[in-house]
All heavy atoms as atom14 arrays in JSON, in Angstrom:
{
  "sequence": "GRSFSSYAMGWFRQAPGKEREFVAALNWSGGSTYYADSVKGRFTISR",
  "atom14_mask": [
    [1, 1, 1, 1, 0, 0, 0, 0, 0, 0, 0, 0, 0, 0],
    [1, 1, 1, 1, 1, 1, 1, 1, 1, 1, 1, 0, 0, 0],
    [1, 1, 1, 1, 1, 1, 0, 0, 0, 0, 0, 0, 0, 0],
    [1, 1, 1, 1, 1, 1, 1, 1, 1, 1, 1, 0, 0, 0],
    [1, 1, 1, 1, 1, 1, 0, 0, 0, 0, 0, 0, 0, 0],
    [1, 1, 1, 1, 1, 1, 0, 0, 0, 0, 0, 0, 0, 0],
    [1, 1, 1, 1, 1, 1, 1, 1, 1, 1, 1, 1, 0, 0],
    [1, 1, 1, 1, 1, 0, 0, 0, 0, 0, 0, 0, 0, 0],
    [1, 1, 1, 1, 1, 1, 1, 1, 0, 0, 0, 0, 0, 0],
    [1, 1, 1, 1, 0, 0, 0, 0, 0, 0, 0, 0, 0, 0],
    [1, 1, 1, 1, 1, 1, 1, 1, 1, 1, 1, 1, 1, 1],
    [1, 1, 1, 1, 1, 1, 1, 1, 1, 1, 1, 0, 0, 0],
    [1, 1, 1, 1, 1, 1, 1, 1, 1, 1, 1, 0, 0, 0],
    [1, 1, 1, 1, 1, 1, 1, 1, 1, 0, 0, 0, 0, 0],
    [1, 1, 1, 1, 1, 0, 0, 0, 0, 0, 0, 0, 0, 0],
    [1, 1, 1, 1, 1, 1, 1, 0, 0, 0, 0, 0, 0, 0],
    [1, 1, 1, 1, 0, 0, 0, 0, 0, 0, 0, 0, 0, 0],
    [1, 1, 1, 1, 1, 1, 1, 1, 1, 0, 0, 0, 0, 0],
    [1, 1, 1, 1, 1, 1, 1, 1, 1, 0, 0, 0, 0, 0],
    [1, 1, 1, 1, 1, 1, 1, 1, 1, 1, 1, 0, 0, 0],
    [1, 1, 1, 1, 1, 1, 1, 1, 1, 0, 0, 0, 0, 0],
    [1, 1, 1, 1, 1, 1, 1, 1, 1, 1, 1, 0, 0, 0],
    [1, 1, 1, 1, 1, 1, 1, 0, 0, 0, 0, 0, 0, 0],
    [1, 1, 1, 1, 1, 0, 0, 0, 0, 0, 0, 0, 0, 0],
    [1, 1, 1, 1, 1, 0, 0, 0, 0, 0, 0, 0, 0, 0],
    [1, 1, 1, 1, 1, 1, 1, 1, 0, 0, 0, 0, 0, 0],
    [1, 1, 1, 1, 1, 1, 1, 1, 0, 0, 0, 0, 0, 0],
    [1, 1, 1, 1, 1, 1, 1, 1, 1, 1, 1, 1, 1, 1],
    [1, 1, 1, 1, 1, 1, 0, 0, 0, 0, 0, 0, 0, 0],
    [1, 1, 1, 1, 0, 0, 0, 0, 0, 0, 0, 0, 0, 0],
    [1, 1, 1, 1, 0, 0, 0, 0, 0, 0, 0, 0, 0, 0],
    [1, 1, 1, 1, 1, 1, 0, 0, 0, 0, 0, 0, 0, 0],
    [1, 1, 1, 1, 1, 1, 1, 0, 0, 0, 0, 0, 0, 0],
    [1, 1, 1, 1, 1, 1, 1, 1, 1, 1, 1, 1, 0, 0],
    [1, 1, 1, 1, 1, 1, 1, 1, 1, 1, 1, 1, 0, 0],
    [1, 1, 1, 1, 1, 0, 0, 0, 0, 0, 0, 0, 0, 0],
    [1, 1, 1, 1, 1, 1, 1, 1, 0, 0, 0, 0, 0, 0],
    [1, 1, 1, 1, 1, 1, 0, 0, 0, 0, 0, 0, 0, 0],
    [1, 1, 1, 1, 1, 1, 1, 0, 0, 0, 0, 0, 0, 0],
    [1, 1, 1, 1, 1, 1, 1, 1, 1, 0, 0, 0, 0, 0],
    [1, 1, 1, 1, 0, 0, 0, 0, 0, 0, 0, 0, 0, 0],
    [1, 1, 1, 1, 1, 1, 1, 1, 1, 1, 1, 0, 0, 0],
    [1, 1, 1, 1, 1, 1, 1, 1, 1, 1, 1, 0, 0, 0],
    [1, 1, 1, 1, 1, 1, 1, 0, 0, 0, 0, 0, 0, 0],
    [1, 1, 1, 1, 1, 1, 1, 1, 0, 0, 0, 0, 0, 0],
    [1, 1, 1, 1, 1, 1, 0, 0, 0, 0, 0, 0, 0, 0],
    [1, 1, 1, 1, 1, 1, 1, 1, 1, 1, 1, 0, 0, 0]
  ],
  "atom14_positions": [
    [[-111.83, 162.32, -58.0], [-110.92, 162.69, -56.86], [-109.96, 161.6, -56.49], [-108.86, 161.84, -55.95], [0.0, 0.0, 0.0], [0.0, 0.0, 0.0], [0.0, 0.0, 0.0], [0.0, 0.0, 0.0], [0.0, 0.0, 0.0], [0.0, 0.0, 0.0], [0.0, 0.0, 0.0], [0.0, 0.0, 0.0], [0.0, 0.0, 0.0], [0.0, 0.0, 0.0]],
    [[-110.36, 160.33, -56.75], [-109.44, 159.23, -56.5], [-110.17, 158.08, -57.06], [-111.24, 158.06, -57.42], [-109.17, 159.0, -55.02], [-110.49, 158.76, -54.12], [-110.09, 158.04, -52.95], [-109.39, 156.77, -53.14], [-108.75, 156.12, -52.28], [-108.54, 156.68, -51.1], [-108.24, 154.96, -52.48], [0.0, 0.0, 0.0], [0.0, 0.0, 0.0], [0.0, 0.0, 0.0]],
    [[-109.34, 156.87, -57.23], [-109.85, 155.65, -57.81], [-110.22, 154.85, -56.6], [-109.62, 154.65, -55.66], [-108.85, 155.0, -58.53], [-109.3, 153.68, -58.79], [0.0, 0.0, 0.0], [0.0, 0.0, 0.0], [0.0, 0.0, 0.0], [0.0, 0.0, 0.0], [0.0, 0.0, 0.0], [0.0, 0.0, 0.0], [0.0, 0.0, 0.0], [0.0, 0.0, 0.0]],
    [[-111.36, 154.18, -56.81], [-111.98, 153.27, -55.8], [-111.98, 151.94, -56.38], [-112.7, 150.97, -55.99], [-113.42, 153.56, -55.37], [-113.51, 154.8, -54.6], [-113.86, 156.05, -55.08], [-113.25, 154.75, -53.11], [-113.92, 157.21, -54.34], [-113.31, 155.91, -52.33], [-113.58, 157.11, -53.07], [0.0, 0.0, 0.0], [0.0, 0.0, 0.0], [0.0, 0.0, 0.0]],
    [[-111.14, 151.65, -57.33], [-111.09, 150.33, -58.0], [-110.71, 149.2, -57.03], [-111.04, 147.97, -57.4], [-110.21, 150.31, -59.32], [-108.92, 150.6, -58.84], [0.0, 0.0, 0.0], [0.0, 0.0, 0.0], [0.0, 0.0, 0.0], [0.0, 0.0, 0.0], [0.0, 0.0, 0.0], [0.0, 0.0, 0.0], [0.0, 0.0, 0.0], [0.0, 0.0, 0.0]],
    [[-110.0, 149.56, -55.94], [-109.65, 148.45, -55.04], [-110.61, 148.36, -53.84], [-110.17, 147.61, -52.88], [-108.24, 148.46, -54.63], [-108.09, 149.84, -53.97], [0.0, 0.0, 0.0], [0.0, 0.0, 0.0], [0.0, 0.0, 0.0], [0.0, 0.0, 0.0], [0.0, 0.0, 0.0], [0.0, 0.0, 0.0], [0.0, 0.0, 0.0], [0.0, 0.0, 0.0]],
    [[-111.59, 149.14, -53.77], [-112.37, 149.2, -52.56], [-113.88, 148.67, -52.86], [-114.44, 148.71, -53.96], [-112.67, 150.75, -52.3], [-111.56, 151.54, -51.61], [-110.2, 151.52, -52.22], [-111.74, 152.06, -50.41], [-109.27, 152.19, -51.56], [-110.7, 152.66, -49.68], [-109.41, 152.81, -50.29], [-108.42, 153.34, -49.73], [0.0, 0.0, 0.0], [0.0, 0.0, 0.0]],
    [[-114.3, 148.14, -51.8], [-115.75, 147.69, -51.79], [-116.55, 148.95, -51.89], [-116.24, 150.04, -51.32], [-116.15, 146.89, -50.67], [0.0, 0.0, 0.0], [0.0, 0.0, 0.0], [0.0, 0.0, 0.0], [0.0, 0.0, 0.0], [0.0, 0.0, 0.0], [0.0, 0.0, 0.0], [0.0, 0.0, 0.0], [0.0, 0.0, 0.0], [0.0, 0.0, 0.0]],
    [[-117.61, 148.98, -52.72], [-118.75, 150.05, -52.69], [-120.05, 149.54, -52.64], [-120.24, 148.34, -52.79], [-118.5, 150.8, -54.17], [-117.04, 151.39, -54.22], [-116.89, 152.47, -55.57], [-117.9, 153.96, -54.92], [0.0, 0.0, 0.0], [0.0, 0.0, 0.0], [0.0, 0.0, 0.0], [0.0, 0.0, 0.0], [0.0, 0.0, 0.0], [0.0, 0.0, 0.0]],
    [[-121.0, 150.45, -52.31], [-122.34, 149.98, -52.0], [-123.36, 151.13, -52.07], [-123.02, 152.31, -52.36], [0.0, 0.0, 0.0], [0.0, 0.0, 0.0], [0.0, 0.0, 0.0], [0.0, 0.0, 0.0], [0.0, 0.0, 0.0], [0.0, 0.0, 0.0], [0.0, 0.0, 0.0], [0.0, 0.0, 0.0], [0.0, 0.0, 0.0], [0.0, 0.0, 0.0]],
    [[-124.55, 150.73, -51.66], [-125.67, 151.64, -51.57], [-126.33, 151.48, -50.26], [-126.56, 150.27, -49.88], [-126.62, 151.31, -52.72], [-126.13, 151.65, -54.13], [-125.37, 150.86, -54.95], [-126.25, 152.92, -54.79], [-125.05, 151.54, -56.15], [-125.62, 152.75, -56.06], [-126.81, 154.13, -54.53], [-125.52, 153.85, -57.05], [-126.77, 155.17, -55.44], [-126.09, 154.99, -56.68]],
    [[-126.83, 152.61, -49.78], [-127.61, 152.68, -48.57], [-128.91, 153.57, -48.86], [-128.97, 154.14, -50.0], [-126.83, 153.31, -47.32], [-125.72, 152.37, -46.73], [-124.67, 152.29, -47.61], [-125.84, 151.81, -45.61], [-123.56, 151.49, -47.1], [-124.87, 151.02, -45.04], [-123.73, 150.82, -45.87], [0.0, 0.0, 0.0], [0.0, 0.0, 0.0], [0.0, 0.0, 0.0]],
    [[-129.87, 153.54, -48.07], [-131.06, 154.33, -48.28], [-131.6, 154.8, -46.94], [-131.43, 154.18, -45.83], [-132.06, 153.56, -49.14], [-132.82, 152.33, -48.42], [-133.62, 151.68, -49.34], [-134.42, 150.46, -48.67], [-135.18, 149.61, -49.36], [-135.36, 149.82, -50.69], [-135.73, 148.71, -48.66], [0.0, 0.0, 0.0], [0.0, 0.0, 0.0], [0.0, 0.0, 0.0]],
    [[-132.38, 155.93, -47.0], [-133.05, 156.38, -45.81], [-134.47, 156.93, -46.22], [-134.49, 157.85, -46.97], [-132.15, 157.43, -45.11], [-132.63, 158.02, -43.78], [-131.71, 158.84, -43.16], [-130.87, 159.35, -43.67], [-131.87, 158.98, -41.83], [0.0, 0.0, 0.0], [0.0, 0.0, 0.0], [0.0, 0.0, 0.0], [0.0, 0.0, 0.0], [0.0, 0.0, 0.0]],
    [[-135.32, 156.31, -45.63], [-136.76, 156.67, -45.74], [-137.01, 157.68, -44.68], [-136.55, 157.87, -43.73], [-137.58, 155.41, -45.66], [0.0, 0.0, 0.0], [0.0, 0.0, 0.0], [0.0, 0.0, 0.0], [0.0, 0.0, 0.0], [0.0, 0.0, 0.0], [0.0, 0.0, 0.0], [0.0, 0.0, 0.0], [0.0, 0.0, 0.0], [0.0, 0.0, 0.0]],
    [[-138.14, 158.58, -44.98], [-138.57, 159.53, -44.1], [-138.79, 159.08, -42.68], [-139.58, 158.05, -42.51], [-139.72, 160.19, -44.72], [-139.61, 159.91, -46.2], [-138.92, 158.63, -46.3], [0.0, 0.0, 0.0], [0.0, 0.0, 0.0], [0.0, 0.0, 0.0], [0.0, 0.0, 0.0], [0.0, 0.0, 0.0], [0.0, 0.0, 0.0], [0.0, 0.0, 0.0]],
    [[-138.22, 159.59, -41.56], [-138.56, 159.08, -40.39], [-137.87, 157.8, -39.87], [-138.03, 157.32, -38.82], [0.0, 0.0, 0.0], [0.0, 0.0, 0.0], [0.0, 0.0, 0.0], [0.0, 0.0, 0.0], [0.0, 0.0, 0.0], [0.0, 0.0, 0.0], [0.0, 0.0, 0.0], [0.0, 0.0, 0.0], [0.0, 0.0, 0.0], [0.0, 0.0, 0.0]],
    [[-136.92, 157.23, -40.76], [-136.16, 156.1, -40.41], [-134.71, 156.28, -40.5], [-134.35, 157.31, -41.17], [-136.76, 155.01, -41.49], [-138.18, 154.54, -41.3], [-138.39, 153.39, -42.16], [-139.86, 152.94, -42.04], [-140.25, 151.69, -42.89], [0.0, 0.0, 0.0], [0.0, 0.0, 0.0], [0.0, 0.0, 0.0], [0.0, 0.0, 0.0], [0.0, 0.0, 0.0]],
    [[-134.07, 155.29, -40.03], [-132.55, 155.38, -40.04], [-132.11, 154.9, -41.29], [-132.76, 154.19, -42.05], [-132.04, 154.5, -38.98], [-132.22, 154.92, -37.44], [-131.5, 154.17, -36.42], [-130.9, 153.19, -36.74], [-131.54, 154.5, -35.25], [0.0, 0.0, 0.0], [0.0, 0.0, 0.0], [0.0, 0.0, 0.0], [0.0, 0.0, 0.0], [0.0, 0.0, 0.0]],
    [[-130.89, 155.38, -41.65], [-130.28, 154.93, -42.93], [-130.06, 153.43, -42.83], [-129.53, 152.84, -41.76], [-128.98, 155.65, -43.11], [-128.34, 155.41, -44.48], [-127.15, 156.31, -44.67], [-127.43, 157.75, -44.57], [-126.5, 158.62, -44.88], [-125.34, 158.29, -45.36], [-126.75, 159.9, -44.78], [0.0, 0.0, 0.0], [0.0, 0.0, 0.0], [0.0, 0.0, 0.0]],
    [[-130.32, 152.72, -43.91], [-130.02, 151.22, -43.96], [-129.28, 150.75, -45.15], [-129.39, 151.36, -46.24], [-131.51, 150.51, -43.87], [-132.42, 150.8, -45.12], [-133.64, 149.86, -45.01], [-133.79, 149.14, -44.11], [-134.39, 149.92, -46.1], [0.0, 0.0, 0.0], [0.0, 0.0, 0.0], [0.0, 0.0, 0.0], [0.0, 0.0, 0.0], [0.0, 0.0, 0.0]],
    [[-128.62, 149.65, -45.03], [-127.84, 149.15, -45.97], [-128.78, 148.54, -47.08], [-129.77, 147.84, -46.86], [-126.99, 147.93, -45.5], [-126.29, 147.04, -46.46], [-125.23, 147.55, -47.08], [-126.85, 145.79, -46.81], [-124.54, 146.75, -48.14], [-126.18, 145.02, -47.66], [-125.19, 145.43, -48.39], [0.0, 0.0, 0.0], [0.0, 0.0, 0.0], [0.0, 0.0, 0.0]],
    [[-128.47, 148.63, -48.31], [-129.11, 148.13, -49.48], [-128.28, 146.92, -50.18], [-128.71, 145.91, -50.33], [-129.49, 149.17, -50.49], [-130.24, 148.58, -51.67], [-130.42, 150.21, -49.84], [0.0, 0.0, 0.0], [0.0, 0.0, 0.0], [0.0, 0.0, 0.0], [0.0, 0.0, 0.0], [0.0, 0.0, 0.0], [0.0, 0.0, 0.0], [0.0, 0.0, 0.0]],
    [[-127.1, 147.39, -50.71], [-126.32, 146.41, -51.42], [-124.82, 146.84, -51.43], [-124.58, 147.98, -51.3], [-126.79, 146.24, -52.86], [0.0, 0.0, 0.0], [0.0, 0.0, 0.0], [0.0, 0.0, 0.0], [0.0, 0.0, 0.0], [0.0, 0.0, 0.0], [0.0, 0.0, 0.0], [0.0, 0.0, 0.0], [0.0, 0.0, 0.0], [0.0, 0.0, 0.0]],
    [[-123.94, 145.83, -51.62], [-122.57, 146.17, -51.77], [-121.83, 145.18, -52.62], [-122.4, 143.96, -52.76], [-121.78, 146.24, -50.52], [0.0, 0.0, 0.0], [0.0, 0.0, 0.0], [0.0, 0.0, 0.0], [0.0, 0.0, 0.0], [0.0, 0.0, 0.0], [0.0, 0.0, 0.0], [0.0, 0.0, 0.0], [0.0, 0.0, 0.0], [0.0, 0.0, 0.0]],
    [[-120.65, 145.52, -53.25], [-119.94, 144.63, -54.04], [-118.49, 144.91, -53.79], [-118.0, 146.06, -53.53], [-120.29, 144.6, -55.42], [-119.74, 145.74, -56.34], [-120.11, 145.42, -57.84], [-120.19, 147.1, -56.06], [0.0, 0.0, 0.0], [0.0, 0.0, 0.0], [0.0, 0.0, 0.0], [0.0, 0.0, 0.0], [0.0, 0.0, 0.0], [0.0, 0.0, 0.0]],
    [[-117.68, 143.87, -54.03], [-116.3, 144.04, -53.76], [-115.57, 144.73, -54.89], [-116.19, 145.13, -55.99], [-115.63, 142.75, -53.35], [-115.43, 141.74, -54.56], [-116.17, 141.87, -55.61], [-114.58, 140.87, -54.59], [0.0, 0.0, 0.0], [0.0, 0.0, 0.0], [0.0, 0.0, 0.0], [0.0, 0.0, 0.0], [0.0, 0.0, 0.0], [0.0, 0.0, 0.0]],
    [[-114.16, 144.8, -54.89], [-113.47, 145.57, -55.84], [-113.64, 144.98, -57.3], [-113.65, 145.84, -58.27], [-111.96, 145.69, -55.53], [-111.38, 144.31, -55.67], [-111.16, 143.39, -54.73], [-110.54, 143.9, -56.8], [-110.58, 142.26, -55.23], [-110.2, 142.56, -56.52], [-110.36, 144.36, -58.14], [-109.46, 141.75, -57.42], [-109.67, 143.57, -59.03], [-109.14, 142.34, -58.72]],
    [[-113.88, 143.73, -57.49], [-113.97, 143.17, -58.75], [-115.36, 142.98, -59.2], [-115.6, 142.74, -60.4], [-113.2, 141.84, -58.77], [-113.9, 140.94, -58.02], [0.0, 0.0, 0.0], [0.0, 0.0, 0.0], [0.0, 0.0, 0.0], [0.0, 0.0, 0.0], [0.0, 0.0, 0.0], [0.0, 0.0, 0.0], [0.0, 0.0, 0.0], [0.0, 0.0, 0.0]],
    [[-116.32, 143.05, -58.31], [-117.69, 142.78, -58.58], [-118.05, 141.23, -58.48], [-119.13, 141.03, -58.74], [0.0, 0.0, 0.0], [0.0, 0.0, 0.0], [0.0, 0.0, 0.0], [0.0, 0.0, 0.0], [0.0, 0.0, 0.0], [0.0, 0.0, 0.0], [0.0, 0.0, 0.0], [0.0, 0.0, 0.0], [0.0, 0.0, 0.0], [0.0, 0.0, 0.0]],
    [[-117.0, 140.54, -58.11], [-117.27, 139.06, -57.99], [-117.98, 138.67, -56.76], [-118.48, 137.54, -56.65], [0.0, 0.0, 0.0], [0.0, 0.0, 0.0], [0.0, 0.0, 0.0], [0.0, 0.0, 0.0], [0.0, 0.0, 0.0], [0.0, 0.0, 0.0], [0.0, 0.0, 0.0], [0.0, 0.0, 0.0], [0.0, 0.0, 0.0], [0.0, 0.0, 0.0]],
    [[-118.07, 139.56, -55.7], [-118.74, 139.27, -54.36], [-119.72, 140.36, -54.26], [-119.43, 141.51, -54.14], [-117.63, 139.11, -53.31], [-118.36, 138.96, -52.12], [0.0, 0.0, 0.0], [0.0, 0.0, 0.0], [0.0, 0.0, 0.0], [0.0, 0.0, 0.0], [0.0, 0.0, 0.0], [0.0, 0.0, 0.0], [0.0, 0.0, 0.0], [0.0, 0.0, 0.0]],
    [[-120.9, 139.93, -54.06], [-122.13, 140.93, -53.82], [-122.73, 140.39, -52.5], [-122.86, 139.35, -52.06], [-122.99, 140.94, -54.96], [-123.56, 139.67, -55.21], [-122.32, 141.51, -56.2], [0.0, 0.0, 0.0], [0.0, 0.0, 0.0], [0.0, 0.0, 0.0], [0.0, 0.0, 0.0], [0.0, 0.0, 0.0], [0.0, 0.0, 0.0], [0.0, 0.0, 0.0]],
    [[-123.51, 141.43, -51.93], [-124.25, 141.22, -50.73], [-125.41, 142.24, -50.78], [-125.27, 143.37, -50.95], [-123.37, 141.49, -49.45], [-123.95, 141.18, -48.12], [-124.45, 139.96, -47.93], [-123.95, 142.19, -47.18], [-125.06, 139.63, -46.7], [-124.58, 141.93, -45.88], [-125.16, 140.58, -45.66], [-125.67, 140.35, -44.42], [0.0, 0.0, 0.0], [0.0, 0.0, 0.0]],
    [[-126.63, 141.69, -50.38], [-127.88, 142.4, -50.54], [-128.72, 142.37, -49.19], [-128.55, 141.36, -48.57], [-128.58, 141.82, -51.63], [-128.09, 142.01, -52.95], [-127.46, 141.06, -53.6], [-128.42, 143.26, -53.68], [-126.9, 141.15, -54.87], [-127.81, 143.36, -55.01], [-127.14, 142.29, -55.64], [-126.63, 142.61, -56.84], [0.0, 0.0, 0.0], [0.0, 0.0, 0.0]],
    [[-129.29, 143.3, -48.91], [-130.27, 143.29, -47.86], [-131.42, 142.35, -48.35], [-131.73, 142.3, -49.47], [-130.91, 144.6, -47.61], [0.0, 0.0, 0.0], [0.0, 0.0, 0.0], [0.0, 0.0, 0.0], [0.0, 0.0, 0.0], [0.0, 0.0, 0.0], [0.0, 0.0, 0.0], [0.0, 0.0, 0.0], [0.0, 0.0, 0.0], [0.0, 0.0, 0.0]],
    [[-132.05, 141.59, -47.33], [-133.09, 140.71, -47.68], [-134.26, 141.44, -48.34], [-134.94, 140.77, -49.2], [-133.6, 140.01, -46.46], [-132.53, 139.02, -45.81], [-131.69, 138.6, -46.53], [-132.73, 138.71, -44.61], [0.0, 0.0, 0.0], [0.0, 0.0, 0.0], [0.0, 0.0, 0.0], [0.0, 0.0, 0.0], [0.0, 0.0, 0.0], [0.0, 0.0, 0.0]],
    [[-134.6, 142.57, -47.98], [-135.66, 143.38, -48.55], [-135.54, 143.58, -50.16], [-136.59, 143.81, -50.74], [-135.88, 144.68, -47.86], [-134.81, 145.48, -47.92], [0.0, 0.0, 0.0], [0.0, 0.0, 0.0], [0.0, 0.0, 0.0], [0.0, 0.0, 0.0], [0.0, 0.0, 0.0], [0.0, 0.0, 0.0], [0.0, 0.0, 0.0], [0.0, 0.0, 0.0]],
    [[-134.33, 143.59, -50.61], [-134.12, 143.86, -52.07], [-133.57, 142.66, -52.82], [-133.47, 142.78, -54.06], [-133.18, 145.15, -52.27], [-133.72, 146.21, -51.49], [-131.82, 144.74, -51.87], [0.0, 0.0, 0.0], [0.0, 0.0, 0.0], [0.0, 0.0, 0.0], [0.0, 0.0, 0.0], [0.0, 0.0, 0.0], [0.0, 0.0, 0.0], [0.0, 0.0, 0.0]],
    [[-133.29, 141.59, -52.16], [-132.7, 140.41, -52.82], [-133.57, 139.92, -53.9], [-134.77, 139.74, -53.65], [-132.3, 139.43, -51.72], [-131.21, 138.4, -52.27], [-130.98, 137.47, -50.99], [-130.28, 138.31, -49.91], [-130.0, 137.38, -48.73], [0.0, 0.0, 0.0], [0.0, 0.0, 0.0], [0.0, 0.0, 0.0], [0.0, 0.0, 0.0], [0.0, 0.0, 0.0]],
    [[-133.06, 139.74, -55.08], [-133.86, 139.2, -56.2], [-134.42, 140.33, -56.98], [-135.02, 140.06, -58.11], [0.0, 0.0, 0.0], [0.0, 0.0, 0.0], [0.0, 0.0, 0.0], [0.0, 0.0, 0.0], [0.0, 0.0, 0.0], [0.0, 0.0, 0.0], [0.0, 0.0, 0.0], [0.0, 0.0, 0.0], [0.0, 0.0, 0.0], [0.0, 0.0, 0.0]],
    [[-134.5, 141.52, -56.42], [-135.05, 142.65, -57.28], [-134.07, 143.71, -57.56], [-134.11, 144.36, -58.69], [-136.16, 143.35, -56.38], [-137.27, 142.46, -55.99], [-138.4, 143.23, -55.23], [-137.96, 143.98, -54.02], [-138.0, 145.16, -53.84], [-138.44, 146.06, -54.87], [-137.57, 145.72, -52.7], [0.0, 0.0, 0.0], [0.0, 0.0, 0.0], [0.0, 0.0, 0.0]],
    [[-133.08, 143.83, -56.78], [-132.0, 144.85, -57.13], [-130.74, 144.17, -57.46], [-130.38, 143.07, -57.11], [-131.66, 145.72, -55.89], [-132.76, 146.65, -55.48], [-134.06, 146.65, -56.09], [-132.55, 147.7, -54.53], [-135.11, 147.54, -55.67], [-133.51, 148.6, -54.17], [-134.85, 148.4, -54.71], [0.0, 0.0, 0.0], [0.0, 0.0, 0.0], [0.0, 0.0, 0.0]],
    [[-129.87, 144.84, -58.38], [-128.67, 144.3, -58.81], [-127.55, 145.37, -58.76], [-127.78, 146.39, -59.38], [-128.69, 143.76, -60.17], [-129.57, 142.74, -60.19], [-127.36, 143.12, -60.55], [0.0, 0.0, 0.0], [0.0, 0.0, 0.0], [0.0, 0.0, 0.0], [0.0, 0.0, 0.0], [0.0, 0.0, 0.0], [0.0, 0.0, 0.0], [0.0, 0.0, 0.0]],
    [[-126.47, 145.14, -57.96], [-125.43, 146.16, -57.96], [-124.37, 145.7, -58.85], [-124.05, 144.5, -59.17], [-124.9, 146.33, -56.48], [-123.89, 147.4, -56.41], [-124.41, 145.0, -55.88], [-123.52, 147.79, -55.01], [0.0, 0.0, 0.0], [0.0, 0.0, 0.0], [0.0, 0.0, 0.0], [0.0, 0.0, 0.0], [0.0, 0.0, 0.0], [0.0, 0.0, 0.0]],
    [[-123.71, 146.77, -59.59], [-122.6, 146.29, -60.55], [-121.61, 147.6, -60.49], [-121.9, 148.64, -59.96], [-123.1, 145.99, -61.88], [-123.81, 147.15, -62.36], [0.0, 0.0, 0.0], [0.0, 0.0, 0.0], [0.0, 0.0, 0.0], [0.0, 0.0, 0.0], [0.0, 0.0, 0.0], [0.0, 0.0, 0.0], [0.0, 0.0, 0.0], [0.0, 0.0, 0.0]],
    [[-120.4, 147.4, -61.15], [-119.51, 148.43, -61.21], [-118.68, 148.38, -62.47], [-118.55, 147.24, -63.03], [-118.58, 148.4, -60.0], [-117.53, 147.25, -59.94], [-116.91, 147.15, -58.64], [-116.11, 148.38, -58.31], [-115.6, 148.62, -57.0], [-115.95, 147.85, -56.04], [-114.86, 149.7, -56.93], [0.0, 0.0, 0.0], [0.0, 0.0, 0.0], [0.0, 0.0, 0.0]]
  ]
}
């Protein structure tokens, strides 16, 4: 429906009975990433 090539994108998650929480994000080029401490070193975001 549109290009997100200039937008940061990411992932969130929601476990049963809990609020939605941030997991990972990366900037438009993929050169800058940010992870929740709970997944750092185990999850990798890319685009």
